[in-house]
Amino acid sequence: MGWIGVEMAKPTTGRTARREAGPERTHGVFAISVAAEMTSLQVQNLRVYERRGLLAPQRSEGGTRLYSRADIDTLHRIRDLLADGLNIAGIARVLALEAEVTRLRARLERAEG
């Protein structure tokens, strides 16, 4: 799930950090094996997360999945939520709610600014 505008990411401190999403964060550059290694997840699990709609990596012209920095952040969030005991359906709901909060905050900031 790519986010547009401002995105939320969970840093190692446990607090939520805001980062501006830009082309360098959303451009797919990492192959699935690299993404799996960066996130300590199994390649087959990344495929499952895509099938379940938790994220949508870009594809090369040849069909190779290409993960962006934002996708890597989402995978870290998925890993953290799995560790907290959530199932895939619960993770999908949490990610959707977090994305909605992000959209609403950006909308509020535009309205106030």
PDB file of N, CA and C in Angstrom:
ATOM      1  N   MET A   1       0.839  -1.171   0.000  1.00  0.00           N
ATOM      2  CA  MET A   1       0.000   0.000   0.000  1.00  0.00           C
ATOM      3  C   MET A   1       0.877   1.224   0.000  1.00  0.00           C
ATOM      4  N   GLY A   2       0.944   1.857  -1.095  1.00  0.00           N
ATOM      5  CA  GLY A   2       1.679   3.102  -1.121  1.00  0.00           C
ATOM      6  C   GLY A   2       0.833   4.220  -0.549  1.00  0.00           C
ATOM      7  N   TRP A   3       1.474   5.122   0.123  1.00  0.00           N
ATOM      8  CA  TRP A   3       0.774   6.263   0.694  1.00  0.00           C
ATOM      9  C   TRP A   3       1.146   7.485  -0.101  1.00  0.00           C
ATOM     10  N   ILE A   4       0.221   8.409  -0.222  1.00  0.00           N
ATOM     11  CA  ILE A   4       0.453   9.642  -0.955  1.00  0.00           C
ATOM     12  C   ILE A   4       0.525  10.786   0.040  1.00  0.00           C
ATOM     13  N   GLY A   5       1.477  11.687  -0.146  1.00  0.00           N
ATOM     14  CA  GLY A   5       1.586  12.854   0.730  1.00  0.00           C
ATOM     15  C   GLY A   5       2.493  12.570   1.905  1.00  0.00           C
ATOM     16  N   VAL A   6       1.915  12.571   3.076  1.00  0.00           N
ATOM     17  CA  VAL A   6       2.673  12.331   4.299  1.00  0.00           C
ATOM     18  C   VAL A   6       2.421  10.908   4.722  1.00  0.00           C
ATOM     19  N   GLU A   7       3.444  10.205   5.119  1.00  0.00           N
ATOM     20  CA  GLU A   7       3.246   8.828   5.545  1.00  0.00           C
ATOM     21  C   GLU A   7       3.742   8.639   6.962  1.00  0.00           C
ATOM     22  N   MET A   8       3.225   7.607   7.603  1.00  0.00           N
ATOM     23  CA  MET A   8       3.606   7.306   8.967  1.00  0.00           C
ATOM     24  C   MET A   8       4.535   6.100   8.951  1.00  0.00           C
ATOM     25  N   ALA A   9       5.554   6.151   9.762  1.00  0.00           N
ATOM     26  CA  ALA A   9       6.459   5.025   9.884  1.00  0.00           C
ATOM     27  C   ALA A   9       6.808   4.866  11.349  1.00  0.00           C
ATOM     28  N   LYS A  10       7.037   3.643  11.773  1.00  0.00           N
ATOM     29  CA  LYS A  10       7.346   3.375  13.168  1.00  0.00           C
ATOM     30  C   LYS A  10       8.857   3.210  13.306  1.00  0.00           C
ATOM     31  N   PRO A  11       9.543   4.201  13.867  1.00  0.00           N
ATOM     32  CA  PRO A  11      10.985   4.087  14.048  1.00  0.00           C
ATOM     33  C   PRO A  11      11.303   3.165  15.225  1.00  0.00           C
ATOM     34  N   THR A  12      12.581   2.906  15.416  1.00  0.00           N
ATOM     35  CA  THR A  12      12.988   1.981  16.464  1.00  0.00           C
ATOM     36  C   THR A  12      12.683   2.506  17.863  1.00  0.00           C
ATOM     37  N   THR A  13      12.444   3.794  18.022  1.00  0.00           N
ATOM     38  CA  THR A  13      12.150   4.336  19.344  1.00  0.00           C
ATOM     39  C   THR A  13      10.741   3.995  19.797  1.00  0.00           C
ATOM     40  N   GLY A  14       9.905   3.467  18.864  1.00  0.00           N
ATOM     41  CA  GLY A  14       8.537   3.127  19.214  1.00  0.00           C
ATOM     42  C   GLY A  14       7.565   4.275  19.024  1.00  0.00           C
ATOM     43  N   ARG A  15       8.070   5.465  18.755  1.00  0.00           N
ATOM     44  CA  ARG A  15       7.200   6.602  18.489  1.00  0.00           C
ATOM     45  C   ARG A  15       6.932   6.676  16.992  1.00  0.00           C
ATOM     46  N   THR A  16       5.860   7.341  16.628  1.00  0.00           N
ATOM     47  CA  THR A  16       5.516   7.477  15.219  1.00  0.00           C
ATOM     48  C   THR A  16       6.190   8.711  14.647  1.00  0.00           C
ATOM     49  N   ALA A  17       6.849   8.535  13.515  1.00  0.00           N
ATOM     50  CA  ALA A  17       7.551   9.640  12.867  1.00  0.00           C
ATOM     51  C   ALA A  17       6.843   9.990  11.572  1.00  0.00           C
ATOM     52  N   ARG A  18       6.876  11.266  11.230  1.00  0.00           N
ATOM     53  CA  ARG A  18       6.280  11.710   9.970  1.00  0.00           C
ATOM     54  C   ARG A  18       7.399  11.972   8.991  1.00  0.00           C
ATOM     55  N   ARG A  19       7.199  11.487   7.777  1.00  0.00           N
ATOM     56  CA  ARG A  19       8.160  11.724   6.719  1.00  0.00           C
ATOM     57  C   ARG A  19       7.417  12.106   5.462  1.00  0.00           C
ATOM     58  N   GLU A  20       7.968  13.076   4.763  1.00  0.00           N
ATOM     59  CA  GLU A  20       7.364  13.461   3.497  1.00  0.00           C
ATOM     60  C   GLU A  20       7.641  12.360   2.488  1.00  0.00           C
ATOM     61  N   ALA A  21       6.617  11.980   1.747  1.00  0.00           N
ATOM     62  CA  ALA A  21       6.774  10.991   0.692  1.00  0.00           C
ATOM     63  C   ALA A  21       7.191  11.712  -0.575  1.00  0.00           C
ATOM     64  N   GLY A  22       8.240  11.258  -1.188  1.00  0.00           N
ATOM     65  CA  GLY A  22       8.705  11.849  -2.430  1.00  0.00           C
ATOM     66  C   GLY A  22       9.048  10.753  -3.410  1.00  0.00           C
ATOM     67  N   PRO A  23       9.432  11.140  -4.623  1.00  0.00           N
ATOM     68  CA  PRO A  23       9.743  10.143  -5.641  1.00  0.00           C
ATOM     69  C   PRO A  23      10.834   9.170  -5.207  1.00  0.00           C
ATOM     70  N   GLU A  24      11.818   9.661  -4.456  1.00  0.00           N
ATOM     71  CA  GLU A  24      12.904   8.777  -4.015  1.00  0.00           C
ATOM     72  C   GLU A  24      12.415   7.745  -3.000  1.00  0.00           C
ATOM     73  N   ARG A  25      11.333   8.006  -2.306  1.00  0.00           N
ATOM     74  CA  ARG A  25      10.777   7.061  -1.325  1.00  0.00           C
ATOM     75  C   ARG A  25       9.792   6.100  -1.957  1.00  0.00           C
ATOM     76  N   THR A  26       9.210   6.483  -3.072  1.00  0.00           N
ATOM     77  CA  THR A  26       8.166   5.657  -3.664  1.00  0.00           C
ATOM     78  C   THR A  26       8.598   4.958  -4.950  1.00  0.00           C
ATOM     79  N   HIS A  27       9.799   5.196  -5.405  1.00  0.00           N
ATOM     80  CA  HIS A  27      10.301   4.554  -6.620  1.00  0.00           C
ATOM     81  C   HIS A  27      10.851   3.177  -6.274  1.00  0.00           C
ATOM     82  N   GLY A  28      10.360   2.158  -6.938  1.00  0.00           N
ATOM     83  CA  GLY A  28      10.798   0.787  -6.674  1.00  0.00           C
ATOM     84  C   GLY A  28      12.212   0.537  -7.158  1.00  0.00           C
ATOM     85  N   VAL A  29      13.086   0.113  -6.254  1.00  0.00           N
ATOM     86  CA  VAL A  29      14.478  -0.159  -6.613  1.00  0.00           C
ATOM     87  C   VAL A  29      14.998  -1.478  -6.046  1.00  0.00           C
ATOM     88  N   PHE A  30      14.330  -2.029  -5.031  1.00  0.00           N
ATOM     89  CA  PHE A  30      14.831  -3.225  -4.374  1.00  0.00           C
ATOM     90  C   PHE A  30      14.128  -4.475  -4.900  1.00  0.00           C
ATOM     91  N   ALA A  31      14.909  -5.489  -5.280  1.00  0.00           N
ATOM     92  CA  ALA A  31      14.343  -6.778  -5.684  1.00  0.00           C
ATOM     93  C   ALA A  31      13.751  -7.463  -4.455  1.00  0.00           C
ATOM     94  N   ILE A  32      12.905  -8.447  -4.671  1.00  0.00           N
ATOM     95  CA  ILE A  32      12.213  -9.101  -3.569  1.00  0.00           C
ATOM     96  C   ILE A  32      13.192  -9.739  -2.582  1.00  0.00           C
ATOM     97  N   SER A  33      14.286 -10.314  -3.082  1.00  0.00           N
ATOM     98  CA  SER A  33      15.256 -10.937  -2.173  1.00  0.00           C
ATOM     99  C   SER A  33      15.928  -9.900  -1.283  1.00  0.00           C
ATOM    100  N   VAL A  34      16.195  -8.731  -1.832  1.00  0.00           N
ATOM    101  CA  VAL A  34      16.807  -7.648  -1.058  1.00  0.00           C
ATOM    102  C   VAL A  34      15.804  -7.117  -0.036  1.00  0.00           C
ATOM    103  N   ALA A  35      14.567  -6.927  -0.465  1.00  0.00           N
ATOM    104  CA  ALA A  35      13.519  -6.450   0.447  1.00  0.00           C
ATOM    105  C   ALA A  35      13.328  -7.436   1.600  1.00  0.00           C
ATOM    106  N   ALA A  36      13.340  -8.718   1.301  1.00  0.00           N
ATOM    107  CA  ALA A  36      13.184  -9.741   2.336  1.00  0.00           C
ATOM    108  C   ALA A  36      14.351  -9.675   3.324  1.00  0.00           C
ATOM    109  N   GLU A  37      15.546  -9.527   2.813  1.00  0.00           N
ATOM    110  CA  GLU A  37      16.718  -9.434   3.687  1.00  0.00           C
ATOM    111  C   GLU A  37      16.681  -8.167   4.538  1.00  0.00           C
ATOM    112  N   MET A  38      16.280  -7.045   3.949  1.00  0.00           N
ATOM    113  CA  MET A  38      16.230  -5.771   4.674  1.00  0.00           C
ATOM    114  C   MET A  38      15.224  -5.799   5.817  1.00  0.00           C
ATOM    115  N   THR A  39      14.191  -6.624   5.694  1.00  0.00           N
ATOM    116  CA  THR A  39      13.107  -6.639   6.666  1.00  0.00           C
ATOM    117  C   THR A  39      13.085  -7.901   7.531  1.00  0.00           C
ATOM    118  N   SER A  40      14.030  -8.788   7.306  1.00  0.00           N
ATOM    119  CA  SER A  40      14.092 -10.070   8.036  1.00  0.00           C
ATOM    120  C   SER A  40      12.807 -10.877   7.857  1.00  0.00           C
ATOM    121  N   LEU A  41      12.254 -10.839   6.654  1.00  0.00           N
ATOM    122  CA  LEU A  41      11.060 -11.603   6.321  1.00  0.00           C
ATOM    123  C   LEU A  41      11.411 -12.594   5.212  1.00  0.00           C
ATOM    124  N   GLN A  42      10.601 -13.615   5.053  1.00  0.00           N
ATOM    125  CA  GLN A  42      10.810 -14.602   4.006  1.00  0.00           C
ATOM    126  C   GLN A  42      10.225 -14.100   2.689  1.00  0.00           C
ATOM    127  N   VAL A  43      10.882 -14.426   1.585  1.00  0.00           N
ATOM    128  CA  VAL A  43      10.429 -14.012   0.261  1.00  0.00           C
ATOM    129  C   VAL A  43       8.983 -14.442   0.023  1.00  0.00           C
ATOM    130  N   GLN A  44       8.646 -15.678   0.366  1.00  0.00           N
ATOM    131  CA  GLN A  44       7.281 -16.159   0.119  1.00  0.00           C
ATOM    132  C   GLN A  44       6.253 -15.355   0.924  1.00  0.00           C
ATOM    133  N   ASN A  45       6.627 -14.852   2.093  1.00  0.00           N
ATOM    134  CA  ASN A  45       5.711 -14.031   2.878  1.00  0.00           C
ATOM    135  C   ASN A  45       5.454 -12.691   2.198  1.00  0.00           C
ATOM    136  N   LEU A  46       6.483 -12.123   1.576  1.00  0.00           N
ATOM    137  CA  LEU A  46       6.289 -10.871   0.853  1.00  0.00           C
ATOM    138  C   LEU A  46       5.279 -11.060  -0.274  1.00  0.00           C
ATOM    139  N   ARG A  47       5.347 -12.204  -0.934  1.00  0.00           N
ATOM    140  CA  ARG A  47       4.374 -12.494  -1.999  1.00  0.00           C
ATOM    141  C   ARG A  47       2.966 -12.610  -1.428  1.00  0.00           C
ATOM    142  N   VAL A  48       2.839 -13.246  -0.260  1.00  0.00           N
ATOM    143  CA  VAL A  48       1.533 -13.369   0.400  1.00  0.00           C
ATOM    144  C   VAL A  48       0.992 -11.987   0.754  1.00  0.00           C
ATOM    145  N   TYR A  49       1.826 -11.127   1.307  1.00  0.00           N
ATOM    146  CA  TYR A  49       1.381  -9.793   1.699  1.00  0.00           C
ATOM    147  C   TYR A  49       0.883  -9.010   0.477  1.00  0.00           C
ATOM    148  N   GLU A  50       1.551  -9.199  -0.659  1.00  0.00           N
ATOM    149  CA  GLU A  50       1.090  -8.546  -1.880  1.00  0.00           C
ATOM    150  C   GLU A  50      -0.257  -9.123  -2.314  1.00  0.00           C
ATOM    151  N   ARG A  51      -0.386 -10.444  -2.329  1.00  0.00           N
ATOM    152  CA  ARG A  51      -1.658 -11.070  -2.717  1.00  0.00           C
ATOM    153  C   ARG A  51      -2.797 -10.627  -1.824  1.00  0.00           C
ATOM    154  N   ARG A  52      -2.517 -10.429  -0.550  1.00  0.00           N
ATOM    155  CA  ARG A  52      -3.541 -10.008   0.406  1.00  0.00           C
ATOM    156  C   ARG A  52      -3.792  -8.505   0.391  1.00  0.00           C
ATOM    157  N   GLY A  53      -3.058  -7.776  -0.443  1.00  0.00           N
ATOM    158  CA  GLY A  53      -3.296  -6.347  -0.598  1.00  0.00           C
ATOM    159  C   GLY A  53      -2.653  -5.468   0.452  1.00  0.00           C
ATOM    160  N   LEU A  54      -1.682  -5.998   1.206  1.00  0.00           N
ATOM    161  CA  LEU A  54      -1.023  -5.185   2.230  1.00  0.00           C
ATOM    162  C   LEU A  54      -0.050  -4.184   1.628  1.00  0.00           C
ATOM    163  N   LEU A  55       0.464  -4.482   0.448  1.00  0.00           N
ATOM    164  CA  LEU A  55       1.310  -3.547  -0.266  1.00  0.00           C
ATOM    165  C   LEU A  55       1.293  -3.928  -1.735  1.00  0.00           C
ATOM    166  N   ALA A  56       1.716  -3.012  -2.570  1.00  0.00           N
ATOM    167  CA  ALA A  56       1.703  -3.235  -4.019  1.00  0.00           C
ATOM    168  C   ALA A  56       3.015  -2.733  -4.604  1.00  0.00           C
ATOM    169  N   PRO A  57       4.046  -3.575  -4.602  1.00  0.00           N
ATOM    170  CA  PRO A  57       5.317  -3.130  -5.173  1.00  0.00           C
ATOM    171  C   PRO A  57       5.170  -2.884  -6.668  1.00  0.00           C
ATOM    172  N   GLN A  58       6.022  -2.015  -7.159  1.00  0.00           N
ATOM    173  CA  GLN A  58       6.042  -1.760  -8.601  1.00  0.00           C
ATOM    174  C   GLN A  58       6.557  -3.002  -9.311  1.00  0.00           C
ATOM    175  N   ARG A  59       6.403  -3.035 -10.615  1.00  0.00           N
ATOM    176  CA  ARG A  59       6.920  -4.141 -11.434  1.00  0.00           C
ATOM    177  C   ARG A  59       7.799  -3.572 -12.538  1.00  0.00           C
ATOM    178  N   SER A  60       8.862  -4.298 -12.829  1.00  0.00           N
ATOM    179  CA  SER A  60       9.697  -3.924 -13.974  1.00  0.00           C
ATOM    180  C   SER A  60       8.969  -4.332 -15.250  1.00  0.00           C
ATOM    181  N   GLU A  61       9.511  -3.951 -16.382  1.00  0.00           N
ATOM    182  CA  GLU A  61       8.904  -4.339 -17.649  1.00  0.00           C
ATOM    183  C   GLU A  61       8.837  -5.856 -17.775  1.00  0.00           C
ATOM    184  N   GLY A  62       9.766  -6.559 -17.161  1.00  0.00           N
ATOM    185  CA  GLY A  62       9.784  -8.016 -17.202  1.00  0.00           C
ATOM    186  C   GLY A  62       8.937  -8.661 -16.124  1.00  0.00           C
ATOM    187  N   GLY A  63       8.292  -7.863 -15.268  1.00  0.00           N
ATOM    188  CA  GLY A  63       7.415  -8.398 -14.234  1.00  0.00           C
ATOM    189  C   GLY A  63       8.058  -8.605 -12.878  1.00  0.00           C
ATOM    190  N   THR A  64       9.329  -8.238 -12.735  1.00  0.00           N
ATOM    191  CA  THR A  64      10.008  -8.388 -11.450  1.00  0.00           C
ATOM    192  C   THR A  64       9.471  -7.368 -10.451  1.00  0.00           C
ATOM    193  N   ARG A  65       9.183  -7.833  -9.234  1.00  0.00           N
ATOM    194  CA  ARG A  65       8.731  -6.911  -8.185  1.00  0.00           C
ATOM    195  C   ARG A  65       9.874  -5.981  -7.797  1.00  0.00           C
ATOM    196  N   LEU A  66       9.548  -4.698  -7.668  1.00  0.00           N
ATOM    197  CA  LEU A  66      10.527  -3.702  -7.240  1.00  0.00           C
ATOM    198  C   LEU A  66       9.952  -2.947  -6.052  1.00  0.00           C
ATOM    199  N   TYR A  67      10.599  -3.081  -4.903  1.00  0.00           N
ATOM    200  CA  TYR A  67      10.127  -2.481  -3.660  1.00  0.00           C
ATOM    201  C   TYR A  67      10.792  -1.137  -3.435  1.00  0.00           C
ATOM    202  N   SER A  68       9.995  -0.154  -3.043  1.00  0.00           N
ATOM    203  CA  SER A  68      10.490   1.186  -2.752  1.00  0.00           C
ATOM    204  C   SER A  68      10.863   1.285  -1.272  1.00  0.00           C
ATOM    205  N   ARG A  69      11.461   2.413  -0.905  1.00  0.00           N
ATOM    206  CA  ARG A  69      11.773   2.659   0.508  1.00  0.00           C
ATOM    207  C   ARG A  69      10.478   2.683   1.323  1.00  0.00           C
ATOM    208  N   ALA A  70       9.407   3.250   0.767  1.00  0.00           N
ATOM    209  CA  ALA A  70       8.112   3.267   1.451  1.00  0.00           C
ATOM    210  C   ALA A  70       7.574   1.841   1.635  1.00  0.00           C
ATOM    211  N   ASP A  71       7.766   0.979   0.627  1.00  0.00           N
ATOM    212  CA  ASP A  71       7.356  -0.424   0.750  1.00  0.00           C
ATOM    213  C   ASP A  71       8.141  -1.120   1.863  1.00  0.00           C
ATOM    214  N   ILE A  72       9.420  -0.815   1.955  1.00  0.00           N
ATOM    215  CA  ILE A  72      10.262  -1.410   3.009  1.00  0.00           C
ATOM    216  C   ILE A  72       9.741  -0.975   4.373  1.00  0.00           C
ATOM    217  N   ASP A  73       9.379   0.301   4.514  1.00  0.00           N
ATOM    218  CA  ASP A  73       8.813   0.786   5.777  1.00  0.00           C
ATOM    219  C   ASP A  73       7.508   0.053   6.100  1.00  0.00           C
ATOM    220  N   THR A  74       6.675  -0.165   5.087  1.00  0.00           N
ATOM    221  CA  THR A  74       5.424  -0.898   5.295  1.00  0.00           C
ATOM    222  C   THR A  74       5.714  -2.330   5.728  1.00  0.00           C
ATOM    223  N   LEU A  75       6.707  -2.958   5.119  1.00  0.00           N
ATOM    224  CA  LEU A  75       7.077  -4.323   5.514  1.00  0.00           C
ATOM    225  C   LEU A  75       7.578  -4.372   6.957  1.00  0.00           C
ATOM    226  N   HIS A  76       8.333  -3.365   7.372  1.00  0.00           N
ATOM    227  CA  HIS A  76       8.762  -3.299   8.775  1.00  0.00           C
ATOM    228  C   HIS A  76       7.541  -3.172   9.690  1.00  0.00           C
ATOM    229  N   ARG A  77       6.580  -2.372   9.287  1.00  0.00           N
ATOM    230  CA  ARG A  77       5.355  -2.206  10.081  1.00  0.00           C
ATOM    231  C   ARG A  77       4.590  -3.526  10.157  1.00  0.00           C
ATOM    232  N   ILE A  78       4.485  -4.230   9.035  1.00  0.00           N
ATOM    233  CA  ILE A  78       3.831  -5.536   9.012  1.00  0.00           C
ATOM    234  C   ILE A  78       4.546  -6.490   9.957  1.00  0.00           C
ATOM    235  N   ARG A  79       5.871  -6.514   9.893  1.00  0.00           N
ATOM    236  CA  ARG A  79       6.652  -7.387  10.769  1.00  0.00           C
ATOM    237  C   ARG A  79       6.387  -7.068  12.243  1.00  0.00           C
ATOM    238  N   ASP A  80       6.335  -5.772  12.569  1.00  0.00           N
ATOM    239  CA  ASP A  80       6.082  -5.362  13.951  1.00  0.00           C
ATOM    240  C   ASP A  80       4.678  -5.776  14.404  1.00  0.00           C
ATOM    241  N   LEU A  81       3.702  -5.605  13.531  1.00  0.00           N
ATOM    242  CA  LEU A  81       2.323  -5.973  13.883  1.00  0.00           C
ATOM    243  C   LEU A  81       2.179  -7.488  14.033  1.00  0.00           C
ATOM    244  N   LEU A  82       2.880  -8.247  13.205  1.00  0.00           N
ATOM    245  CA  LEU A  82       2.882  -9.704  13.362  1.00  0.00           C
ATOM    246  C   LEU A  82       3.476 -10.085  14.719  1.00  0.00           C
ATOM    247  N   ALA A  83       4.556  -9.422  15.086  1.00  0.00           N
ATOM    248  CA  ALA A  83       5.195  -9.690  16.379  1.00  0.00           C
ATOM    249  C   ALA A  83       4.276  -9.341  17.540  1.00  0.00           C
ATOM    250  N   ASP A  84       3.386  -8.364  17.327  1.00  0.00           N
ATOM    251  CA  ASP A  84       2.416  -7.978  18.352  1.00  0.00           C
ATOM    252  C   ASP A  84       1.233  -8.936  18.414  1.00  0.00           C
ATOM    253  N   GLY A  85       1.196  -9.915  17.492  1.00  0.00           N
ATOM    254  CA  GLY A  85       0.161 -10.935  17.541  1.00  0.00           C
ATOM    255  C   GLY A  85      -1.011 -10.742  16.597  1.00  0.00           C
ATOM    256  N   LEU A  86      -0.946  -9.738  15.718  1.00  0.00           N
ATOM    257  CA  LEU A  86      -2.041  -9.525  14.775  1.00  0.00           C
ATOM    258  C   LEU A  86      -1.958 -10.524  13.631  1.00  0.00           C
ATOM    259  N   ASN A  87      -3.126 -10.895  13.096  1.00  0.00           N
ATOM    260  CA  ASN A  87      -3.150 -11.729  11.900  1.00  0.00           C
ATOM    261  C   ASN A  87      -3.187 -10.828  10.672  1.00  0.00           C
ATOM    262  N   ILE A  88      -3.177 -11.428   9.490  1.00  0.00           N
ATOM    263  CA  ILE A  88      -3.123 -10.648   8.248  1.00  0.00           C
ATOM    264  C   ILE A  88      -4.323  -9.714   8.124  1.00  0.00           C
ATOM    265  N   ALA A  89      -5.507 -10.200   8.457  1.00  0.00           N
ATOM    266  CA  ALA A  89      -6.706  -9.349   8.377  1.00  0.00           C
ATOM    267  C   ALA A  89      -6.592  -8.158   9.324  1.00  0.00           C
ATOM    268  N   GLY A  90      -6.089  -8.399  10.524  1.00  0.00           N
ATOM    269  CA  GLY A  90      -5.901  -7.313  11.484  1.00  0.00           C
ATOM    270  C   GLY A  90      -4.871  -6.310  11.007  1.00  0.00           C
ATOM    271  N   ILE A  91      -3.807  -6.808  10.409  1.00  0.00           N
ATOM    272  CA  ILE A  91      -2.762  -5.929   9.883  1.00  0.00           C
ATOM    273  C   ILE A  91      -3.324  -5.069   8.753  1.00  0.00           C
ATOM    274  N   ALA A  92      -4.122  -5.680   7.880  1.00  0.00           N
ATOM    275  CA  ALA A  92      -4.734  -4.918   6.784  1.00  0.00           C
ATOM    276  C   ALA A  92      -5.582  -3.789   7.343  1.00  0.00           C
ATOM    277  N   ARG A  93      -6.328  -4.071   8.383  1.00  0.00           N
ATOM    278  CA  ARG A  93      -7.190  -3.046   8.994  1.00  0.00           C
ATOM    279  C   ARG A  93      -6.360  -1.937   9.628  1.00  0.00           C
ATOM    280  N   VAL A  94      -5.310  -2.298  10.358  1.00  0.00           N
ATOM    281  CA  VAL A  94      -4.440  -1.303  10.986  1.00  0.00           C
ATOM    282  C   VAL A  94      -3.799  -0.413   9.928  1.00  0.00           C
ATOM    283  N   LEU A  95      -3.261  -1.018   8.865  1.00  0.00           N
ATOM    284  CA  LEU A  95      -2.629  -0.226   7.806  1.00  0.00           C
ATOM    285  C   LEU A  95      -3.624   0.709   7.141  1.00  0.00           C
ATOM    286  N   ALA A  96      -4.847   0.228   6.916  1.00  0.00           N
ATOM    287  CA  ALA A  96      -5.876   1.079   6.309  1.00  0.00           C
ATOM    288  C   ALA A  96      -6.229   2.248   7.229  1.00  0.00           C
ATOM    289  N   LEU A  97      -6.353   1.980   8.517  1.00  0.00           N
ATOM    290  CA  LEU A  97      -6.679   3.042   9.469  1.00  0.00           C
ATOM    291  C   LEU A  97      -5.535   4.046   9.585  1.00  0.00           C
ATOM    292  N   GLU A  98      -4.303   3.565   9.598  1.00  0.00           N
ATOM    293  CA  GLU A  98      -3.159   4.476   9.656  1.00  0.00           C
ATOM    294  C   GLU A  98      -3.093   5.354   8.409  1.00  0.00           C
ATOM    295  N   ALA A  99      -3.372   4.773   7.258  1.00  0.00           N
ATOM    296  CA  ALA A  99      -3.374   5.557   6.024  1.00  0.00           C
ATOM    297  C   ALA A  99      -4.476   6.607   6.052  1.00  0.00           C
ATOM    298  N   GLU A 100      -5.643   6.239   6.591  1.00  0.00           N
ATOM    299  CA  GLU A 100      -6.747   7.189   6.698  1.00  0.00           C
ATOM    300  C   GLU A 100      -6.399   8.338   7.642  1.00  0.00           C
ATOM    301  N   VAL A 101      -5.780   8.043   8.760  1.00  0.00           N
ATOM    302  CA  VAL A 101      -5.349   9.090   9.694  1.00  0.00           C
ATOM    303  C   VAL A 101      -4.365  10.023   8.998  1.00  0.00           C
ATOM    304  N   THR A 102      -3.437   9.461   8.249  1.00  0.00           N
ATOM    305  CA  THR A 102      -2.458  10.268   7.528  1.00  0.00           C
ATOM    306  C   THR A 102      -3.140  11.188   6.524  1.00  0.00           C
ATOM    307  N   ARG A 103      -4.103  10.649   5.757  1.00  0.00           N
ATOM    308  CA  ARG A 103      -4.836  11.471   4.788  1.00  0.00           C
ATOM    309  C   ARG A 103      -5.613  12.586   5.487  1.00  0.00           C
ATOM    310  N   LEU A 104      -6.256  12.260   6.589  1.00  0.00           N
ATOM    311  CA  LEU A 104      -7.045  13.265   7.307  1.00  0.00           C
ATOM    312  C   LEU A 104      -6.159  14.345   7.916  1.00  0.00           C
ATOM    313  N   ARG A 105      -4.993  13.959   8.436  1.00  0.00           N
ATOM    314  CA  ARG A 105      -4.072  14.960   8.988  1.00  0.00           C
ATOM    315  C   ARG A 105      -3.572  15.896   7.895  1.00  0.00           C
ATOM    316  N   ALA A 106      -3.243  15.339   6.747  1.00  0.00           N
ATOM    317  CA  ALA A 106      -2.774  16.172   5.645  1.00  0.00           C
ATOM    318  C   ALA A 106      -3.896  17.109   5.184  1.00  0.00           C
ATOM    319  N   ARG A 107      -5.091  16.614   5.143  1.00  0.00           N
ATOM    320  CA  ARG A 107      -6.247  17.442   4.758  1.00  0.00           C
ATOM    321  C   ARG A 107      -6.462  18.570   5.761  1.00  0.00           C
ATOM    322  N   LEU A 108      -6.343  18.253   7.041  1.00  0.00           N
ATOM    323  CA  LEU A 108      -6.496  19.258   8.089  1.00  0.00           C
ATOM    324  C   LEU A 108      -5.402  20.312   7.992  1.00  0.00           C
ATOM    325  N   GLU A 109      -4.174  19.876   7.756  1.00  0.00           N
ATOM    326  CA  GLU A 109      -3.069  20.828   7.619  1.00  0.00           C
ATOM    327  C   GLU A 109      -3.292  21.761   6.435  1.00  0.00           C
ATOM    328  N   ARG A 110      -3.799  21.222   5.321  1.00  0.00           N
ATOM    329  CA  ARG A 110      -4.083  22.072   4.156  1.00  0.00           C
ATOM    330  C   ARG A 110      -5.186  23.070   4.477  1.00  0.00           C
ATOM    331  N   ALA A 111      -6.200  22.619   5.211  1.00  0.00           N
ATOM    332  CA  ALA A 111      -7.329  23.494   5.552  1.00  0.00           C
ATOM    333  C   ALA A 111      -6.897  24.597   6.510  1.00  0.00           C
ATOM    334  N   GLU A 112      -5.989  24.275   7.431  1.00  0.00           N
ATOM    335  CA  GLU A 112      -5.504  25.253   8.405  1.00  0.00           C
ATOM    336  C   GLU A 112      -4.471  26.190   7.814  1.00  0.00           C
ATOM    337  N   GLY A 113      -3.745  25.698   6.824  1.00  0.00           N
ATOM    338  CA  GLY A 113      -2.617  26.468   6.263  1.00  0.00           C
ATOM    339  C   GLY A 113      -3.041  27.353   5.193  1.00  0.00           C
TER     340      GLY A 113
END
